[in-house]
């Protein structure tokens, strides 16, 4: 299977329609796809998944589903970031909202408000580890753009190995560790503005 160049993936295509295909054994083609029952490709993120939500319905991670995981995948990794930070008219550096590693490829998705902190050792989610976001804390933090309409890219990576990068997982460490191990990439891109 071909490796994917994650540094340049999708920078010149419409990310709302991004799907990465791969050839299965034989001529049948499958598509590795990331979806959500609550998020539409290119659509607006509901408030409960942002910092603008109300009370307990604030900063919830969205439910996610995926299909067509490439054969030989040993683990999945997820990064959610805002490539338009801090201002869409003058972006400086992508802002990381969520990092997860070692997601079992046997899972078909994650529930709303997912966190591996409260998961028991016998759970099918037990191997998943949360990384630090750009607020320097582990877990999900929802969109909170200071100005303008921002894109939010949820990117799921199919990997041919498990990720072992110590206790403090960051997007930067993950990107480096994934190099040469990516079997497929699936993205879901949404928008949010205040």
C-alpha atoms as a PDB file:
ATOM      1  CA  UNK A   1       0.000   0.000   0.000  1.00  0.00           C
ATOM      2  CA  UNK A   2       1.164   3.523  -0.747  1.00  0.00           C
ATOM      3  CA  UNK A   3       2.289   5.778   2.073  1.00  0.00           C
ATOM      4  CA  UNK A   4       0.645   9.199   2.349  1.00  0.00           C
ATOM      5  CA  UNK A   5       2.572  12.482   2.576  1.00  0.00           C
ATOM      6  CA  UNK A   6       0.807  14.075   5.568  1.00  0.00           C
ATOM      7  CA  UNK A   7       2.596  17.412   5.291  1.00  0.00           C
ATOM      8  CA  UNK A   8       0.998  18.138   1.908  1.00  0.00           C
ATOM      9  CA  UNK A   9      -2.141  16.033   2.083  1.00  0.00           C
ATOM     10  CA  UNK A  10      -5.224  17.870   0.928  1.00  0.00           C
ATOM     11  CA  UNK A  11      -3.719  21.336   0.710  1.00  0.00           C
ATOM     12  CA  UNK A  12      -4.811  21.739  -2.915  1.00  0.00           C
ATOM     13  CA  UNK A  13      -8.141  19.916  -2.889  1.00  0.00           C
ATOM     14  CA  UNK A  14     -11.557  20.719  -1.507  1.00  0.00           C
ATOM     15  CA  UNK A  15     -11.244  19.240   1.984  1.00  0.00           C
ATOM     16  CA  UNK A  16     -15.028  19.035   2.412  1.00  0.00           C
ATOM     17  CA  UNK A  17     -15.012  16.365  -0.286  1.00  0.00           C
ATOM     18  CA  UNK A  18     -11.729  14.668   0.640  1.00  0.00           C
ATOM     19  CA  UNK A  19     -11.768  10.892   0.607  1.00  0.00           C
ATOM     20  CA  UNK A  20      -8.691   8.749   0.304  1.00  0.00           C
ATOM     21  CA  UNK A  21      -9.092   5.586  -1.737  1.00  0.00           C
ATOM     22  CA  UNK A  22      -6.919   2.522  -1.681  1.00  0.00           C
ATOM     23  CA  UNK A  23      -6.892  -0.727  -3.627  1.00  0.00           C
ATOM     24  CA  UNK A  24      -7.928  -3.793  -1.713  1.00  0.00           C
ATOM     25  CA  UNK A  25      -6.696  -7.220  -2.804  1.00  0.00           C
ATOM     26  CA  UNK A  26      -8.044  -7.640  -6.309  1.00  0.00           C
ATOM     27  CA  UNK A  27      -9.802  -4.927  -8.260  1.00  0.00           C
ATOM     28  CA  UNK A  28     -12.323  -3.884  -5.591  1.00  0.00           C
ATOM     29  CA  UNK A  29     -11.748  -0.327  -4.326  1.00  0.00           C
ATOM     30  CA  UNK A  30     -12.736   0.774  -0.835  1.00  0.00           C
ATOM     31  CA  UNK A  31     -12.872   4.288   0.556  1.00  0.00           C
ATOM     32  CA  UNK A  32     -11.522   5.254   3.967  1.00  0.00           C
ATOM     33  CA  UNK A  33     -14.060   7.787   5.195  1.00  0.00           C
ATOM     34  CA  UNK A  34     -14.601   9.834   8.371  1.00  0.00           C
ATOM     35  CA  UNK A  35     -18.159  10.976   9.138  1.00  0.00           C
ATOM     36  CA  UNK A  36     -20.305  12.158  12.033  1.00  0.00           C
ATOM     37  CA  UNK A  37     -24.040  11.953  12.686  1.00  0.00           C
ATOM     38  CA  UNK A  38     -23.782  15.536  14.062  1.00  0.00           C
ATOM     39  CA  UNK A  39     -21.363  17.186  11.593  1.00  0.00           C
ATOM     40  CA  UNK A  40     -21.902  17.734   7.869  1.00  0.00           C
ATOM     41  CA  UNK A  41     -18.942  18.074   5.500  1.00  0.00           C
ATOM     42  CA  UNK A  42     -18.504  21.807   4.957  1.00  0.00           C
ATOM     43  CA  UNK A  43     -21.314  22.531   7.455  1.00  0.00           C
ATOM     44  CA  UNK A  44     -21.461  24.559  10.649  1.00  0.00           C
ATOM     45  CA  UNK A  45     -20.392  22.888  13.902  1.00  0.00           C
ATOM     46  CA  UNK A  46     -23.267  22.808  16.442  1.00  0.00           C
ATOM     47  CA  UNK A  47     -22.673  25.035  19.507  1.00  0.00           C
ATOM     48  CA  UNK A  48     -22.504  22.169  22.000  1.00  0.00           C
ATOM     49  CA  UNK A  49     -19.216  21.086  20.361  1.00  0.00           C
ATOM     50  CA  UNK A  50     -17.728  24.589  20.797  1.00  0.00           C
ATOM     51  CA  UNK A  51     -16.640  26.866  23.637  1.00  0.00           C
ATOM     52  CA  UNK A  52     -19.842  28.854  23.013  1.00  0.00           C
ATOM     53  CA  UNK A  53     -22.156  26.107  24.257  1.00  0.00           C
ATOM     54  CA  UNK A  54     -24.270  26.417  27.407  1.00  0.00           C
ATOM     55  CA  UNK A  55     -23.442  24.769  30.771  1.00  0.00           C
ATOM     56  CA  UNK A  56     -22.997  21.010  30.441  1.00  0.00           C
ATOM     57  CA  UNK A  57     -23.622  21.307  26.676  1.00  0.00           C
ATOM     58  CA  UNK A  58     -20.284  23.002  26.015  1.00  0.00           C
ATOM     59  CA  UNK A  59     -16.967  21.735  24.643  1.00  0.00           C
ATOM     60  CA  UNK A  60     -18.343  18.238  23.994  1.00  0.00           C
ATOM     61  CA  UNK A  61     -16.334  16.230  21.496  1.00  0.00           C
ATOM     62  CA  UNK A  62     -18.489  15.294  18.503  1.00  0.00           C
ATOM     63  CA  UNK A  63     -19.441  11.685  17.815  1.00  0.00           C
ATOM     64  CA  UNK A  64     -17.406  10.229  14.957  1.00  0.00           C
ATOM     65  CA  UNK A  65     -17.763   7.216  12.664  1.00  0.00           C
ATOM     66  CA  UNK A  66     -15.388   5.746  10.089  1.00  0.00           C
ATOM     67  CA  UNK A  67     -15.559   3.195   7.317  1.00  0.00           C
ATOM     68  CA  UNK A  68     -13.200   1.402   4.952  1.00  0.00           C
ATOM     69  CA  UNK A  69     -10.217   1.183   7.290  1.00  0.00           C
ATOM     70  CA  UNK A  70      -7.268  -0.012   5.166  1.00  0.00           C
ATOM     71  CA  UNK A  71      -6.181  -3.622   5.516  1.00  0.00           C
ATOM     72  CA  UNK A  72      -3.152  -4.142   7.796  1.00  0.00           C
ATOM     73  CA  UNK A  73      -4.088  -1.127   9.974  1.00  0.00           C
ATOM     74  CA  UNK A  74      -2.788  -1.669  13.524  1.00  0.00           C
ATOM     75  CA  UNK A  75      -4.016   1.617  15.031  1.00  0.00           C
ATOM     76  CA  UNK A  76      -5.748   4.881  14.184  1.00  0.00           C
ATOM     77  CA  UNK A  77      -4.819   8.419  15.219  1.00  0.00           C
ATOM     78  CA  UNK A  78      -6.973  11.542  15.162  1.00  0.00           C
ATOM     79  CA  UNK A  79      -6.039  15.222  14.967  1.00  0.00           C
ATOM     80  CA  UNK A  80      -8.522  18.088  14.996  1.00  0.00           C
ATOM     81  CA  UNK A  81      -7.136  21.504  14.154  1.00  0.00           C
ATOM     82  CA  UNK A  82      -8.069  24.988  12.999  1.00  0.00           C
ATOM     83  CA  UNK A  83      -5.882  25.893   9.991  1.00  0.00           C
ATOM     84  CA  UNK A  84      -7.247  29.464   9.984  1.00  0.00           C
ATOM     85  CA  UNK A  85      -5.936  30.542  13.410  1.00  0.00           C
ATOM     86  CA  UNK A  86      -5.984  33.196  14.594  1.00  0.00           C
ATOM     87  CA  UNK A  87      -7.605  35.084  11.676  1.00  0.00           C
ATOM     88  CA  UNK A  88      -8.801  33.440   8.419  1.00  0.00           C
ATOM     89  CA  UNK A  89      -7.601  36.468   6.420  1.00  0.00           C
ATOM     90  CA  UNK A  90      -4.092  36.100   7.906  1.00  0.00           C
ATOM     91  CA  UNK A  91      -3.554  32.593   9.334  1.00  0.00           C
ATOM     92  CA  UNK A  92      -0.337  32.084  11.253  1.00  0.00           C
ATOM     93  CA  UNK A  93      -0.231  28.484  12.469  1.00  0.00           C
ATOM     94  CA  UNK A  94      -2.856  25.720  12.782  1.00  0.00           C
ATOM     95  CA  UNK A  95      -4.349  25.484  16.293  1.00  0.00           C
ATOM     96  CA  UNK A  96      -4.757  21.950  17.671  1.00  0.00           C
ATOM     97  CA  UNK A  97      -8.055  21.130  19.402  1.00  0.00           C
ATOM     98  CA  UNK A  98      -7.819  17.351  19.865  1.00  0.00           C
ATOM     99  CA  UNK A  99      -5.271  14.534  19.564  1.00  0.00           C
ATOM    100  CA  UNK A 100      -5.988  10.811  20.065  1.00  0.00           C
ATOM    101  CA  UNK A 101      -3.613   7.906  19.437  1.00  0.00           C
ATOM    102  CA  UNK A 102      -3.774   4.105  19.421  1.00  0.00           C
ATOM    103  CA  UNK A 103      -7.457   3.920  18.508  1.00  0.00           C
ATOM    104  CA  UNK A 104      -8.175   0.233  17.776  1.00  0.00           C
ATOM    105  CA  UNK A 105      -9.009  -0.275  14.083  1.00  0.00           C
ATOM    106  CA  UNK A 106     -11.798  -2.636  15.147  1.00  0.00           C
ATOM    107  CA  UNK A 107     -13.787   0.330  16.500  1.00  0.00           C
ATOM    108  CA  UNK A 108     -16.265   1.917  14.105  1.00  0.00           C
ATOM    109  CA  UNK A 109     -16.329   5.294  15.835  1.00  0.00           C
ATOM    110  CA  UNK A 110     -16.274   7.332  19.047  1.00  0.00           C
ATOM    111  CA  UNK A 111     -19.273   8.476  21.087  1.00  0.00           C
ATOM    112  CA  UNK A 112     -20.118  12.106  21.840  1.00  0.00           C
ATOM    113  CA  UNK A 113     -18.070  13.618  24.687  1.00  0.00           C
ATOM    114  CA  UNK A 114     -15.498  10.820  24.480  1.00  0.00           C
ATOM    115  CA  UNK A 115     -12.555  10.775  26.865  1.00  0.00           C
ATOM    116  CA  UNK A 116     -10.444   7.733  27.710  1.00  0.00           C
ATOM    117  CA  UNK A 117      -9.954   9.077  31.274  1.00  0.00           C
ATOM    118  CA  UNK A 118     -13.038   7.312  32.611  1.00  0.00           C
ATOM    119  CA  UNK A 119     -12.617   4.073  30.640  1.00  0.00           C
ATOM    120  CA  UNK A 120     -12.028   0.780  32.423  1.00  0.00           C
ATOM    121  CA  UNK A 121      -9.149  -1.543  31.502  1.00  0.00           C
ATOM    122  CA  UNK A 122     -11.530  -4.068  29.928  1.00  0.00           C
ATOM    123  CA  UNK A 123     -13.178  -1.512  27.634  1.00  0.00           C
ATOM    124  CA  UNK A 124     -12.652  -1.656  23.885  1.00  0.00           C
ATOM    125  CA  UNK A 125     -11.525   1.986  24.240  1.00  0.00           C
ATOM    126  CA  UNK A 126      -8.855   1.218  26.897  1.00  0.00           C
ATOM    127  CA  UNK A 127      -5.844   1.509  24.540  1.00  0.00           C
ATOM    128  CA  UNK A 128      -6.740   5.017  23.354  1.00  0.00           C
ATOM    129  CA  UNK A 129      -4.552   7.810  24.686  1.00  0.00           C
ATOM    130  CA  UNK A 130      -5.390  11.531  24.602  1.00  0.00           C
ATOM    131  CA  UNK A 131      -2.761  14.019  23.613  1.00  0.00           C
ATOM    132  CA  UNK A 132      -2.339  17.641  24.596  1.00  0.00           C
ATOM    133  CA  UNK A 133      -4.156  20.296  22.607  1.00  0.00           C
ATOM    134  CA  UNK A 134      -2.716  23.783  22.047  1.00  0.00           C
ATOM    135  CA  UNK A 135      -4.111  24.890  25.416  1.00  0.00           C
ATOM    136  CA  UNK A 136      -1.414  22.503  26.785  1.00  0.00           C
ATOM    137  CA  UNK A 137      -3.955  20.145  28.389  1.00  0.00           C
ATOM    138  CA  UNK A 138      -5.034  16.657  27.327  1.00  0.00           C
ATOM    139  CA  UNK A 139      -8.427  16.171  25.746  1.00  0.00           C
ATOM    140  CA  UNK A 140     -10.865  17.967  23.486  1.00  0.00           C
ATOM    141  CA  UNK A 141     -11.407  21.721  23.399  1.00  0.00           C
ATOM    142  CA  UNK A 142     -14.045  23.016  21.030  1.00  0.00           C
ATOM    143  CA  UNK A 143     -13.816  25.846  18.518  1.00  0.00           C
ATOM    144  CA  UNK A 144     -13.583  29.378  19.898  1.00  0.00           C
ATOM    145  CA  UNK A 145     -12.470  31.544  16.963  1.00  0.00           C
ATOM    146  CA  UNK A 146     -11.577  35.141  17.884  1.00  0.00           C
ATOM    147  CA  UNK A 147     -12.689  36.500  14.501  1.00  0.00           C
ATOM    148  CA  UNK A 148     -14.200  35.307  11.238  1.00  0.00           C
ATOM    149  CA  UNK A 149     -15.359  31.942   9.936  1.00  0.00           C
ATOM    150  CA  UNK A 150     -12.802  29.191  10.634  1.00  0.00           C
ATOM    151  CA  UNK A 151     -12.395  25.727   9.145  1.00  0.00           C
ATOM    152  CA  UNK A 152     -11.950  22.790  11.510  1.00  0.00           C
ATOM    153  CA  UNK A 153     -10.235  19.716  10.083  1.00  0.00           C
ATOM    154  CA  UNK A 154     -10.760  16.349  11.752  1.00  0.00           C
ATOM    155  CA  UNK A 155      -8.159  14.019  10.268  1.00  0.00           C
ATOM    156  CA  UNK A 156      -8.076  10.280  10.921  1.00  0.00           C
ATOM    157  CA  UNK A 157      -4.896   8.372  10.098  1.00  0.00           C
ATOM    158  CA  UNK A 158      -4.727   4.602   9.528  1.00  0.00           C
ATOM    159  CA  UNK A 159      -1.306   3.391  10.721  1.00  0.00           C
ATOM    160  CA  UNK A 160       0.649   0.181  10.253  1.00  0.00           C
ATOM    161  CA  UNK A 161       1.880   0.286  13.875  1.00  0.00           C
ATOM    162  CA  UNK A 162       1.015   1.530  17.359  1.00  0.00           C
ATOM    163  CA  UNK A 163       2.284   4.942  18.452  1.00  0.00           C
ATOM    164  CA  UNK A 164       4.653   5.018  21.423  1.00  0.00           C
ATOM    165  CA  UNK A 165       5.785   8.586  22.089  1.00  0.00           C
ATOM    166  CA  UNK A 166       5.813   8.751  25.875  1.00  0.00           C
ATOM    167  CA  UNK A 167       3.382  10.259  28.325  1.00  0.00           C
ATOM    168  CA  UNK A 168       3.090  13.732  26.812  1.00  0.00           C
ATOM    169  CA  UNK A 169       1.514  13.260  23.404  1.00  0.00           C
ATOM    170  CA  UNK A 170       1.382  16.336  21.150  1.00  0.00           C
ATOM    171  CA  UNK A 171       0.404  16.832  17.526  1.00  0.00           C
ATOM    172  CA  UNK A 172       4.014  17.572  16.619  1.00  0.00           C
ATOM    173  CA  UNK A 173       5.310  14.358  18.211  1.00  0.00           C
ATOM    174  CA  UNK A 174       2.492  12.381  16.595  1.00  0.00           C
ATOM    175  CA  UNK A 175       3.157  13.761  13.103  1.00  0.00           C
ATOM    176  CA  UNK A 176       6.834  12.838  13.453  1.00  0.00           C
ATOM    177  CA  UNK A 177       6.044   9.335  14.784  1.00  0.00           C
ATOM    178  CA  UNK A 178       3.553   8.648  11.958  1.00  0.00           C
ATOM    179  CA  UNK A 179       6.063   9.355   9.209  1.00  0.00           C
ATOM    180  CA  UNK A 180       6.411   6.247   7.042  1.00  0.00           C
ATOM    181  CA  UNK A 181       3.553   4.440   8.829  1.00  0.00           C
ATOM    182  CA  UNK A 182       0.434   5.948   7.217  1.00  0.00           C
ATOM    183  CA  UNK A 183      -1.748   3.554   5.231  1.00  0.00           C
ATOM    184  CA  UNK A 184      -4.638   5.968   4.690  1.00  0.00           C
ATOM    185  CA  UNK A 185      -6.069   9.344   5.638  1.00  0.00           C
ATOM    186  CA  UNK A 186      -9.688  10.419   6.001  1.00  0.00           C
ATOM    187  CA  UNK A 187     -10.888  13.956   6.719  1.00  0.00           C
ATOM    188  CA  UNK A 188     -14.024  15.732   7.757  1.00  0.00           C
ATOM    189  CA  UNK A 189     -13.939  19.525   7.494  1.00  0.00           C
ATOM    190  CA  UNK A 190     -16.540  21.815   9.085  1.00  0.00           C
ATOM    191  CA  UNK A 191     -16.839  25.529   9.882  1.00  0.00           C
ATOM    192  CA  UNK A 192     -17.594  27.682  12.874  1.00  0.00           C
ATOM    193  CA  UNK A 193     -17.870  31.410  13.557  1.00  0.00           C
ATOM    194  CA  UNK A 194     -19.323  33.419  16.440  1.00  0.00           C
END
